[in-house]
């Protein structure tokens, strides 16, 4: 026959499990907080030093993008897309 476990031992095991679970939960929360603090300091933008350069940055942000030229087409150089020079030549020759 199987012997009944002592109620005190069962209660002590339950307390031990709760302690281990709480310590594990606290460790996970601590690691998440530490990772959050590290990532927030890494991604924080540095302010621009003076007002003159700040105006230049704003002016450049609104400027239209330069049209791609024959020398400025990395995808065409790799052969992924046709270059501007090739598409113009193909459309004029009938």
PDB file of N, CA and C in Angstrom:
ATOM      1  N   UNK A   1       0.824  -1.183   0.000  1.00  0.00           N
ATOM      2  CA  UNK A   1       0.000   0.000   0.000  1.00  0.00           C
ATOM      3  C   UNK A   1       0.867   1.244   0.000  1.00  0.00           C
ATOM      4  N   UNK A   2       0.280   2.261  -0.644  1.00  0.00           N
ATOM      5  CA  UNK A   2       0.997   3.518  -0.733  1.00  0.00           C
ATOM      6  C   UNK A   2       0.717   4.352   0.501  1.00  0.00           C
ATOM      7  N   UNK A   3       1.792   4.948   1.037  1.00  0.00           N
ATOM      8  CA  UNK A   3       1.657   5.737   2.251  1.00  0.00           C
ATOM      9  C   UNK A   3       1.210   7.151   1.894  1.00  0.00           C
ATOM     10  N   UNK A   4       0.325   7.723   2.688  1.00  0.00           N
ATOM     11  CA  UNK A   4      -0.174   9.079   2.496  1.00  0.00           C
ATOM     12  C   UNK A   4       0.945  10.068   2.802  1.00  0.00           C
ATOM     13  N   UNK A   5       1.126  11.106   1.937  1.00  0.00           N
ATOM     14  CA  UNK A   5       2.171  12.101   2.217  1.00  0.00           C
ATOM     15  C   UNK A   5       1.785  12.960   3.418  1.00  0.00           C
ATOM     16  N   UNK A   6       2.793  13.414   4.089  1.00  0.00           N
ATOM     17  CA  UNK A   6       2.608  14.254   5.254  1.00  0.00           C
ATOM     18  C   UNK A   6       2.074  15.621   4.791  1.00  0.00           C
ATOM     19  N   UNK A   7       1.012  16.132   5.411  1.00  0.00           N
ATOM     20  CA  UNK A   7       0.460  17.429   4.996  1.00  0.00           C
ATOM     21  C   UNK A   7       1.466  18.575   5.111  1.00  0.00           C
ATOM     22  N   UNK A   8       2.369  18.498   6.052  1.00  0.00           N
ATOM     23  CA  UNK A   8       3.378  19.551   6.201  1.00  0.00           C
ATOM     24  C   UNK A   8       4.355  19.533   5.025  1.00  0.00           C
ATOM     25  N   UNK A   9       4.704  18.336   4.575  1.00  0.00           N
ATOM     26  CA  UNK A   9       5.602  18.236   3.420  1.00  0.00           C
ATOM     27  C   UNK A   9       4.929  18.778   2.163  1.00  0.00           C
ATOM     28  N   UNK A  10       3.653  18.495   2.013  1.00  0.00           N
ATOM     29  CA  UNK A  10       2.914  18.978   0.847  1.00  0.00           C
ATOM     30  C   UNK A  10       2.842  20.497   0.876  1.00  0.00           C
ATOM     31  N   UNK A  11       2.592  21.080   2.018  1.00  0.00           N
ATOM     32  CA  UNK A  11       2.515  22.528   2.146  1.00  0.00           C
ATOM     33  C   UNK A  11       3.877  23.170   1.889  1.00  0.00           C
ATOM     34  N   UNK A  12       4.947  22.544   2.379  1.00  0.00           N
ATOM     35  CA  UNK A  12       6.296  23.073   2.153  1.00  0.00           C
ATOM     36  C   UNK A  12       6.668  23.014   0.678  1.00  0.00           C
ATOM     37  N   UNK A  13       6.283  21.951  -0.003  1.00  0.00           N
ATOM     38  CA  UNK A  13       6.549  21.849  -1.441  1.00  0.00           C
ATOM     39  C   UNK A  13       5.776  22.918  -2.216  1.00  0.00           C
ATOM     40  N   UNK A  14       4.565  23.181  -1.826  1.00  0.00           N
ATOM     41  CA  UNK A  14       3.764  24.205  -2.488  1.00  0.00           C
ATOM     42  C   UNK A  14       4.392  25.585  -2.294  1.00  0.00           C
ATOM     43  N   UNK A  15       4.855  25.884  -1.073  1.00  0.00           N
ATOM     44  CA  UNK A  15       5.520  27.159  -0.814  1.00  0.00           C
ATOM     45  C   UNK A  15       6.798  27.294  -1.623  1.00  0.00           C
ATOM     46  N   UNK A  16       7.546  26.190  -1.727  1.00  0.00           N
ATOM     47  CA  UNK A  16       8.785  26.217  -2.502  1.00  0.00           C
ATOM     48  C   UNK A  16       8.489  26.486  -3.982  1.00  0.00           C
ATOM     49  N   UNK A  17       7.457  25.866  -4.529  1.00  0.00           N
ATOM     50  CA  UNK A  17       7.081  26.083  -5.929  1.00  0.00           C
ATOM     51  C   UNK A  17       6.657  27.528  -6.165  1.00  0.00           C
ATOM     52  N   UNK A  18       5.911  28.078  -5.212  1.00  0.00           N
ATOM     53  CA  UNK A  18       5.473  29.473  -5.338  1.00  0.00           C
ATOM     54  C   UNK A  18       6.674  30.403  -5.299  1.00  0.00           C
ATOM     55  N   UNK A  19       7.623  30.148  -4.385  1.00  0.00           N
ATOM     56  CA  UNK A  19       8.835  30.968  -4.298  1.00  0.00           C
ATOM     57  C   UNK A  19       9.628  30.940  -5.603  1.00  0.00           C
ATOM     58  N   UNK A  20       9.818  29.745  -6.152  1.00  0.00           N
ATOM     59  CA  UNK A  20      10.584  29.607  -7.392  1.00  0.00           C
ATOM     60  C   UNK A  20       9.858  30.319  -8.539  1.00  0.00           C
ATOM     61  N   UNK A  21       8.554  30.190  -8.599  1.00  0.00           N
ATOM     62  CA  UNK A  21       7.787  30.860  -9.644  1.00  0.00           C
ATOM     63  C   UNK A  21       7.852  32.367  -9.541  1.00  0.00           C
ATOM     64  N   UNK A  22       7.766  32.893  -8.342  1.00  0.00           N
ATOM     65  CA  UNK A  22       7.828  34.342  -8.146  1.00  0.00           C
ATOM     66  C   UNK A  22       9.220  34.889  -8.482  1.00  0.00           C
ATOM     67  N   UNK A  23      10.255  34.154  -8.114  1.00  0.00           N
ATOM     68  CA  UNK A  23      11.617  34.581  -8.450  1.00  0.00           C
ATOM     69  C   UNK A  23      11.808  34.562  -9.966  1.00  0.00           C
ATOM     70  N   UNK A  24      11.299  33.556 -10.640  1.00  0.00           N
ATOM     71  CA  UNK A  24      11.394  33.484 -12.097  1.00  0.00           C
ATOM     72  C   UNK A  24      10.636  34.620 -12.759  1.00  0.00           C
ATOM     73  N   UNK A  25       9.446  34.915 -12.271  1.00  0.00           N
ATOM     74  CA  UNK A  25       8.654  36.013 -12.812  1.00  0.00           C
ATOM     75  C   UNK A  25       9.357  37.352 -12.602  1.00  0.00           C
ATOM     76  N   UNK A  26       9.934  37.563 -11.432  1.00  0.00           N
ATOM     77  CA  UNK A  26      10.667  38.796 -11.157  1.00  0.00           C
ATOM     78  C   UNK A  26      11.891  38.913 -12.066  1.00  0.00           C
ATOM     79  N   UNK A  27      12.574  37.806 -12.323  1.00  0.00           N
ATOM     80  CA  UNK A  27      13.742  37.836 -13.203  1.00  0.00           C
ATOM     81  C   UNK A  27      13.345  38.205 -14.633  1.00  0.00           C
ATOM     82  N   UNK A  28      12.229  37.667 -15.117  1.00  0.00           N
ATOM     83  CA  UNK A  28      11.762  37.990 -16.469  1.00  0.00           C
ATOM     84  C   UNK A  28      11.380  39.462 -16.560  1.00  0.00           C
ATOM     85  N   UNK A  29      10.673  39.977 -15.577  1.00  0.00           N
ATOM     86  CA  UNK A  29      10.290  41.398 -15.576  1.00  0.00           C
ATOM     87  C   UNK A  29      11.534  42.281 -15.530  1.00  0.00           C
ATOM     88  N   UNK A  30      12.523  41.905 -14.749  1.00  0.00           N
ATOM     89  CA  UNK A  30      13.764  42.660 -14.660  1.00  0.00           C
ATOM     90  C   UNK A  30      14.508  42.657 -15.997  1.00  0.00           C
ATOM     91  N   UNK A  31      14.578  41.521 -16.666  1.00  0.00           N
ATOM     92  CA  UNK A  31      15.250  41.447 -17.960  1.00  0.00           C
ATOM     93  C   UNK A  31      14.521  42.271 -19.017  1.00  0.00           C
ATOM     94  N   UNK A  32      13.199  42.247 -19.009  1.00  0.00           N
ATOM     95  CA  UNK A  32      12.432  43.046 -19.977  1.00  0.00           C
ATOM     96  C   UNK A  32      12.651  44.530 -19.719  1.00  0.00           C
ATOM     97  N   UNK A  33      12.651  44.942 -18.480  1.00  0.00           N
ATOM     98  CA  UNK A  33      12.908  46.343 -18.153  1.00  0.00           C
ATOM     99  C   UNK A  33      14.306  46.779 -18.553  1.00  0.00           C
ATOM    100  N   UNK A  34      15.284  45.926 -18.339  1.00  0.00           N
ATOM    101  CA  UNK A  34      16.660  46.237 -18.720  1.00  0.00           C
ATOM    102  C   UNK A  34      16.788  46.343 -20.236  1.00  0.00           C
ATOM    103  N   UNK A  35      16.187  45.420 -20.974  1.00  0.00           N
ATOM    104  CA  UNK A  35      16.235  45.472 -22.441  1.00  0.00           C
ATOM    105  C   UNK A  35      15.523  46.719 -22.956  1.00  0.00           C
ATOM    106  N   UNK A  36      14.411  47.069 -22.360  1.00  0.00           N
ATOM    107  CA  UNK A  36      13.678  48.267 -22.770  1.00  0.00           C
ATOM    108  C   UNK A  36      14.515  49.526 -22.541  1.00  0.00           C
ATOM    109  N   UNK A  37      15.197  49.594 -21.421  1.00  0.00           N
ATOM    110  CA  UNK A  37      16.041  50.757 -21.131  1.00  0.00           C
ATOM    111  C   UNK A  37      17.198  50.846 -22.114  1.00  0.00           C
ATOM    112  N   UNK A  38      17.795  49.723 -22.438  1.00  0.00           N
ATOM    113  CA  UNK A  38      18.921  49.720 -23.381  1.00  0.00           C
ATOM    114  C   UNK A  38      18.449  50.159 -24.759  1.00  0.00           C
ATOM    115  N   UNK A  39      17.339  49.597 -25.241  1.00  0.00           N
ATOM    116  CA  UNK A  39      16.860  49.939 -26.575  1.00  0.00           C
ATOM    117  C   UNK A  39      16.371  51.383 -26.655  1.00  0.00           C
ATOM    118  N   UNK A  40      15.821  51.913 -25.586  1.00  0.00           N
ATOM    119  CA  UNK A  40      15.358  53.304 -25.635  1.00  0.00           C
ATOM    120  C   UNK A  40      16.533  54.274 -25.679  1.00  0.00           C
ATOM    121  N   UNK A  41      17.641  53.951 -25.038  1.00  0.00           N
ATOM    122  CA  UNK A  41      18.801  54.838 -25.110  1.00  0.00           C
ATOM    123  C   UNK A  41      19.516  54.711 -26.448  1.00  0.00           C
ATOM    124  N   UNK A  42      19.471  53.543 -27.067  1.00  0.00           N
ATOM    125  CA  UNK A  42      20.133  53.350 -28.352  1.00  0.00           C
ATOM    126  C   UNK A  42      19.372  54.065 -29.461  1.00  0.00           C
ATOM    127  N   UNK A  43      18.050  54.024 -29.427  1.00  0.00           N
ATOM    128  CA  UNK A  43      17.259  54.598 -30.510  1.00  0.00           C
ATOM    129  C   UNK A  43      16.950  56.078 -30.316  1.00  0.00           C
ATOM    130  N   UNK A  44      17.366  56.676 -29.242  1.00  0.00           N
ATOM    131  CA  UNK A  44      17.090  58.091 -29.004  1.00  0.00           C
ATOM    132  C   UNK A  44      17.877  58.936 -29.997  1.00  0.00           C
ATOM    133  N   UNK A  45      17.190  59.858 -30.694  1.00  0.00           N
ATOM    134  CA  UNK A  45      17.831  60.718 -31.675  1.00  0.00           C
ATOM    135  C   UNK A  45      18.613  61.817 -30.974  1.00  0.00           C
ATOM    136  N   UNK A  46      19.766  62.149 -31.559  1.00  0.00           N
ATOM    137  CA  UNK A  46      20.557  63.250 -31.031  1.00  0.00           C
ATOM    138  C   UNK A  46      20.041  64.556 -31.622  1.00  0.00           C
ATOM    139  N   UNK A  47      19.906  65.616 -30.833  1.00  0.00           N
ATOM    140  CA  UNK A  47      19.417  66.894 -31.362  1.00  0.00           C
ATOM    141  C   UNK A  47      20.453  67.545 -32.271  1.00  0.00           C
ATOM    142  N   UNK A  48      19.966  68.352 -33.222  1.00  0.00           N
ATOM    143  CA  UNK A  48      20.847  69.088 -34.126  1.00  0.00           C
ATOM    144  C   UNK A  48      21.486  70.228 -33.347  1.00  0.00           C
ATOM    145  N   UNK A  49      22.759  70.520 -33.637  1.00  0.00           N
ATOM    146  CA  UNK A  49      23.536  71.458 -32.823  1.00  0.00           C
ATOM    147  C   UNK A  49      23.063  72.905 -32.949  1.00  0.00           C
ATOM    148  N   UNK A  50      22.904  73.439 -34.157  1.00  0.00           N
ATOM    149  CA  UNK A  50      22.561  74.857 -34.283  1.00  0.00           C
ATOM    150  C   UNK A  50      21.335  75.051 -35.181  1.00  0.00           C
ATOM    151  N   UNK A  51      20.763  76.234 -35.103  1.00  0.00           N
ATOM    152  CA  UNK A  51      19.522  76.521 -35.823  1.00  0.00           C
ATOM    153  C   UNK A  51      19.742  76.600 -37.325  1.00  0.00           C
ATOM    154  N   UNK A  52      20.894  77.062 -37.779  1.00  0.00           N
ATOM    155  CA  UNK A  52      21.159  77.191 -39.219  1.00  0.00           C
ATOM    156  C   UNK A  52      21.150  75.829 -39.889  1.00  0.00           C
ATOM    157  N   UNK A  53      21.777  74.853 -39.282  1.00  0.00           N
ATOM    158  CA  UNK A  53      21.786  73.521 -39.891  1.00  0.00           C
ATOM    159  C   UNK A  53      20.415  72.865 -39.765  1.00  0.00           C
ATOM    160  N   UNK A  54      19.657  73.228 -38.746  1.00  0.00           N
ATOM    161  CA  UNK A  54      18.314  72.688 -38.597  1.00  0.00           C
ATOM    162  C   UNK A  54      17.429  73.129 -39.761  1.00  0.00           C
ATOM    163  N   UNK A  55      17.564  74.389 -40.184  1.00  0.00           N
ATOM    164  CA  UNK A  55      16.802  74.884 -41.318  1.00  0.00           C
ATOM    165  C   UNK A  55      17.205  74.183 -42.605  1.00  0.00           C
ATOM    166  N   UNK A  56      18.489  73.881 -42.754  1.00  0.00           N
ATOM    167  CA  UNK A  56      18.964  73.187 -43.950  1.00  0.00           C
ATOM    168  C   UNK A  56      18.423  71.773 -43.998  1.00  0.00           C
ATOM    169  N   UNK A  57      18.316  71.126 -42.846  1.00  0.00           N
ATOM    170  CA  UNK A  57      17.787  69.765 -42.804  1.00  0.00           C
ATOM    171  C   UNK A  57      16.324  69.766 -43.201  1.00  0.00           C
ATOM    172  N   UNK A  58      15.566  70.736 -42.727  1.00  0.00           N
ATOM    173  CA  UNK A  58      14.153  70.830 -43.078  1.00  0.00           C
ATOM    174  C   UNK A  58      13.996  71.135 -44.562  1.00  0.00           C
ATOM    175  N   UNK A  59      14.838  72.006 -45.099  1.00  0.00           N
ATOM    176  CA  UNK A  59      14.763  72.353 -46.513  1.00  0.00           C
ATOM    177  C   UNK A  59      15.097  71.142 -47.378  1.00  0.00           C
ATOM    178  N   UNK A  60      16.050  70.337 -46.966  1.00  0.00           N
ATOM    179  CA  UNK A  60      16.422  69.167 -47.743  1.00  0.00           C
ATOM    180  C   UNK A  60      15.364  68.082 -47.660  1.00  0.00           C
ATOM    181  N   UNK A  61      14.670  68.008 -46.566  1.00  0.00           N
ATOM    182  CA  UNK A  61      13.653  66.977 -46.402  1.00  0.00           C
ATOM    183  C   UNK A  61      12.493  67.205 -47.356  1.00  0.00           C
ATOM    184  N   UNK A  62      12.189  68.462 -47.699  1.00  0.00           N
ATOM    185  CA  UNK A  62      11.082  68.756 -48.597  1.00  0.00           C
ATOM    186  C   UNK A  62      11.494  68.796 -50.054  1.00  0.00           C
ATOM    187  N   UNK A  63      12.784  68.714 -50.350  1.00  0.00           N
ATOM    188  CA  UNK A  63      13.264  68.798 -51.725  1.00  0.00           C
ATOM    189  C   UNK A  63      12.891  67.531 -52.488  1.00  0.00           C
ATOM    190  N   UNK A  64      12.549  67.669 -53.784  1.00  0.00           N
ATOM    191  CA  UNK A  64      12.227  66.475 -54.562  1.00  0.00           C
ATOM    192  C   UNK A  64      13.469  65.622 -54.787  1.00  0.00           C
ATOM    193  N   UNK A  65      13.260  64.343 -54.931  1.00  0.00           N
ATOM    194  CA  UNK A  65      14.372  63.425 -55.146  1.00  0.00           C
ATOM    195  C   UNK A  65      14.909  63.600 -56.558  1.00  0.00           C
ATOM    196  N   UNK A  66      16.198  63.425 -56.705  1.00  0.00           N
ATOM    197  CA  UNK A  66      16.823  63.563 -58.019  1.00  0.00           C
ATOM    198  C   UNK A  66      16.400  62.406 -58.913  1.00  0.00           C
ATOM    199  N   UNK A  67      16.179  62.712 -60.178  1.00  0.00           N
ATOM    200  CA  UNK A  67      15.798  61.674 -61.135  1.00  0.00           C
ATOM    201  C   UNK A  67      16.979  60.741 -61.351  1.00  0.00           C
ATOM    202  N   UNK A  68      16.727  59.449 -61.476  1.00  0.00           N
ATOM    203  CA  UNK A  68      17.842  58.518 -61.670  1.00  0.00           C
ATOM    204  C   UNK A  68      18.507  58.749 -63.018  1.00  0.00           C
ATOM    205  N   UNK A  69      19.806  58.704 -63.024  1.00  0.00           N
ATOM    206  CA  UNK A  69      20.555  58.860 -64.267  1.00  0.00           C
ATOM    207  C   UNK A  69      21.134  57.508 -64.655  1.00  0.00           C
ATOM    208  N   UNK A  70      21.761  57.466 -65.806  1.00  0.00           N
ATOM    209  CA  UNK A  70      22.306  56.198 -66.290  1.00  0.00           C
ATOM    210  C   UNK A  70      23.373  55.654 -65.352  1.00  0.00           C
ATOM    211  N   UNK A  71      24.119  56.513 -64.677  1.00  0.00           N
ATOM    212  CA  UNK A  71      25.168  56.057 -63.768  1.00  0.00           C
ATOM    213  C   UNK A  71      24.679  55.799 -62.361  1.00  0.00           C
ATOM    214  N   UNK A  72      23.425  56.165 -62.073  1.00  0.00           N
ATOM    215  CA  UNK A  72      22.904  56.050 -60.717  1.00  0.00           C
ATOM    216  C   UNK A  72      21.759  55.038 -60.676  1.00  0.00           C
ATOM    217  N   UNK A  73      21.954  53.878 -61.255  1.00  0.00           N
ATOM    218  CA  UNK A  73      20.922  52.839 -61.258  1.00  0.00           C
ATOM    219  C   UNK A  73      21.520  51.500 -60.838  1.00  0.00           C
ATOM    220  N   UNK A  74      21.592  51.258 -59.542  1.00  0.00           N
ATOM    221  CA  UNK A  74      22.214  50.010 -59.090  1.00  0.00           C
ATOM    222  C   UNK A  74      21.438  48.767 -59.521  1.00  0.00           C
ATOM    223  N   UNK A  75      20.118  48.837 -59.592  1.00  0.00           N
ATOM    224  CA  UNK A  75      19.354  47.664 -60.009  1.00  0.00           C
ATOM    225  C   UNK A  75      19.553  47.373 -61.491  1.00  0.00           C
ATOM    226  N   UNK A  76      19.700  48.425 -62.308  1.00  0.00           N
ATOM    227  CA  UNK A  76      19.952  48.225 -63.729  1.00  0.00           C
ATOM    228  C   UNK A  76      21.344  47.656 -63.947  1.00  0.00           C
ATOM    229  N   UNK A  77      22.299  48.074 -63.126  1.00  0.00           N
ATOM    230  CA  UNK A  77      23.652  47.543 -63.234  1.00  0.00           C
ATOM    231  C   UNK A  77      23.683  46.055 -62.910  1.00  0.00           C
ATOM    232  N   UNK A  78      22.827  45.619 -61.980  1.00  0.00           N
ATOM    233  CA  UNK A  78      22.754  44.206 -61.630  1.00  0.00           C
ATOM    234  C   UNK A  78      21.927  43.407 -62.627  1.00  0.00           C
ATOM    235  N   UNK A  79      21.205  44.101 -63.498  1.00  0.00           N
ATOM    236  CA  UNK A  79      20.390  43.419 -64.488  1.00  0.00           C
ATOM    237  C   UNK A  79      18.997  43.076 -63.995  1.00  0.00           C
ATOM    238  N   UNK A  80      18.577  43.650 -62.875  1.00  0.00           N
ATOM    239  CA  UNK A  80      17.255  43.366 -62.317  1.00  0.00           C
ATOM    240  C   UNK A  80      16.180  44.134 -63.072  1.00  0.00           C
ATOM    241  N   UNK A  81      16.442  45.390 -63.381  1.00  0.00           N
ATOM    242  CA  UNK A  81      15.493  46.231 -64.101  1.00  0.00           C
ATOM    243  C   UNK A  81      16.182  46.852 -65.300  1.00  0.00           C
ATOM    244  N   UNK A  82      15.430  47.239 -66.313  1.00  0.00           N
ATOM    245  CA  UNK A  82      16.068  47.907 -67.460  1.00  0.00           C
ATOM    246  C   UNK A  82      16.507  49.303 -67.064  1.00  0.00           C
ATOM    247  N   UNK A  83      17.585  49.760 -67.669  1.00  0.00           N
ATOM    248  CA  UNK A  83      18.079  51.102 -67.356  1.00  0.00           C
ATOM    249  C   UNK A  83      17.279  52.140 -68.166  1.00  0.00           C
ATOM    250  N   UNK A  84      17.423  53.387 -67.769  1.00  0.00           N
ATOM    251  CA  UNK A  84      16.707  54.479 -68.437  1.00  0.00           C
ATOM    252  C   UNK A  84      17.173  54.576 -69.887  1.00  0.00           C
ATOM    253  N   UNK A  85      18.477  54.443 -70.146  1.00  0.00           N
ATOM    254  CA  UNK A  85      19.026  54.526 -71.486  1.00  0.00           C
ATOM    255  C   UNK A  85      18.460  53.421 -72.372  1.00  0.00           C
ATOM    256  N   UNK A  86      18.264  52.219 -71.846  1.00  0.00           N
ATOM    257  CA  UNK A  86      17.729  51.100 -72.627  1.00  0.00           C
ATOM    258  C   UNK A  86      16.257  51.279 -72.929  1.00  0.00           C
ATOM    259  N   UNK A  87      15.479  51.807 -71.994  1.00  0.00           N
ATOM    260  CA  UNK A  87      14.037  51.958 -72.201  1.00  0.00           C
ATOM    261  C   UNK A  87      13.752  53.065 -73.208  1.00  0.00           C
ATOM    262  N   UNK A  88      14.556  54.138 -73.211  1.00  0.00           N
ATOM    263  CA  UNK A  88      14.384  55.204 -74.202  1.00  0.00           C
ATOM    264  C   UNK A  88      14.732  54.724 -75.605  1.00  0.00           C
ATOM    265  N   UNK A  89      15.803  53.954 -75.742  1.00  0.00           N
ATOM    266  CA  UNK A  89      16.234  53.473 -77.050  1.00  0.00           C
ATOM    267  C   UNK A  89      15.233  52.488 -77.623  1.00  0.00           C
ATOM    268  N   UNK A  90      14.614  51.672 -76.761  1.00  0.00           N
ATOM    269  CA  UNK A  90      13.674  50.662 -77.225  1.00  0.00           C
ATOM    270  C   UNK A  90      12.360  51.281 -77.670  1.00  0.00           C
ATOM    271  N   UNK A  91      11.948  52.399 -77.073  1.00  0.00           N
ATOM    272  CA  UNK A  91      10.661  52.984 -77.399  1.00  0.00           C
ATOM    273  C   UNK A  91      10.725  53.812 -78.678  1.00  0.00           C
ATOM    274  N   UNK A  92      11.907  54.302 -79.088  1.00  0.00           N
ATOM    275  CA  UNK A  92      12.018  55.139 -80.278  1.00  0.00           C
ATOM    276  C   UNK A  92      12.265  54.334 -81.539  1.00  0.00           C
ATOM    277  N   UNK A  93      12.731  53.121 -81.423  1.00  0.00           N
ATOM    278  CA  UNK A  93      13.081  52.352 -82.624  1.00  0.00           C
ATOM    279  C   UNK A  93      11.928  51.496 -83.111  1.00  0.00           C
ATOM    280  N   UNK A  94      11.172  51.930 -84.138  1.00  0.00           N
ATOM    281  CA  UNK A  94      10.074  51.138 -84.694  1.00  0.00           C
ATOM    282  C   UNK A  94      10.409  50.586 -86.013  1.00  0.00           C
TER     283      UNK A  94
END
